[in-house]
Amino acid sequence: MAPASLQGLLVQPFTVAGRINSGAFHKAKAIALGSDAAASATVTSLLPADYDKLLVSLQTSHGGPAFLHEAGVVVYSDSAGFIGDEVAMIKWLQRNGIGAISAAHSDGRADQWDTIAEEAYVQLLTESGLTFAFLEISFDSQVIGRLIFELFPGLAAQTVENFLALCESEEGRKGYVGTPIHRIKPGGWMQGGDVLTGNGDGGTTASGNSLTDESFAIEHSEYGILGMANNGNPHSATSQFYVTFAPTPSFDKKYVAFGKLVDGTKLLQYLEQLDCKNERPNAEVVISDAGRVVQKSLDVMAADEDEAATRLQAIHRSRLARKEQQERKKAAARVQAAKRGQAQRRQQKQEAEAAVKLQAINRGRNARKK
């Protein structure tokens, strides 16, 4: 006999989870909730970075199919396992005899689903009452994307206020725009925000006074935690910030975390992989724009990670091509050096043999004279 909680359900409980800015997610949501299986469906709307973390979790628990999944929506079930995207969900529902799934099932409405997704994302970022900020990153003077963070003024009001003030600093005042990401520690964190020299040895707050350590409520328990660096002493943070690449529990109770990444996972992963010397990027990585996320900033924001990923891939291919070219030049130089060495050794051998022959001839002459 089925448990009381499952009685009356036409299909086993399943979850539809997706990025709030994914048209595929909103389409899958409409199909699931509009079908005869609506009572079995749990719909979870996630910010992009949270969705990326869910996929990592599903890859661990479900293996193969989850590792190949790239859609903005994922459907899974405790009993049925990993189902897939919205197309796979439709087929699964049909196999289980679920009806009334045609109303939202139309590829002709793709643009409409994308519009719905964009509106939902904009509404969350600008009308939810939550606080979001962005850092636009440039690589060798080319914009490659934006990191978007949710900030928590309820836990660290002064810290958030200072961060936003430095993001929104006007021309002529010290702020984050134009400053470099000066430290990248793979598996640890990246660091920027030295508004004085850009070298990582200084900084200043918007007010000129150091920040107090307001709260250690946010733990460094995951990827993408945003916090303020300090000089090792309590209440000494100014403008330098960090973003974690992994759980960093050693930072707990030492540095004030005040935000987390909600969009830009691919960009942050790219930054972690940059070539560095003594943890400083070899290339010029600069904050080219920054500010609070409002409607005006969204109008010019390339928030779609696919576009950012395309730019990153192009840059990465270019870097690989340059590396390959440099390696070919080095290999050619080594070959030439080896050939020069061989030629030099042949010449030395020939000169030595000629000297031996000359000595033999001279000895013969001297012997005949005697």
Foldseek 3Di string as FASTA:
>chain_A
DDPPLCPPALDAAKEKEFELLALQSVLLVCLCCQWSRNSRYDYYYAFPVVVVVVLVVLCVVQNDVSVVADGRMWMAHPVRGGQHTSVSVVVVCVVSVIDRRVPSPDPVCSVVSNVSSVVRVQCCQAPVPWWKKKFFKDWQNHTLAIWMKTFACVQPVVVVVQLQCQQPPDPPAFHQAFAFQFFADAQFKTKTFASPPSNPPHHATSVRAFAAQRHLPDAQAAFFFKWFDAPQDGRGTGTMMIGTHGRDRVCGPRIRTTIGTRADPVVRVLVNPADDDPRGHPTTMGRNHMHIDHPVVVVPHPRDVVSSVVVSVVVVVVVVVVVVVVVVVVVVVVVVVVVVVVVVVVVVVVVVVVVVVVVVVVVVVVVVVD
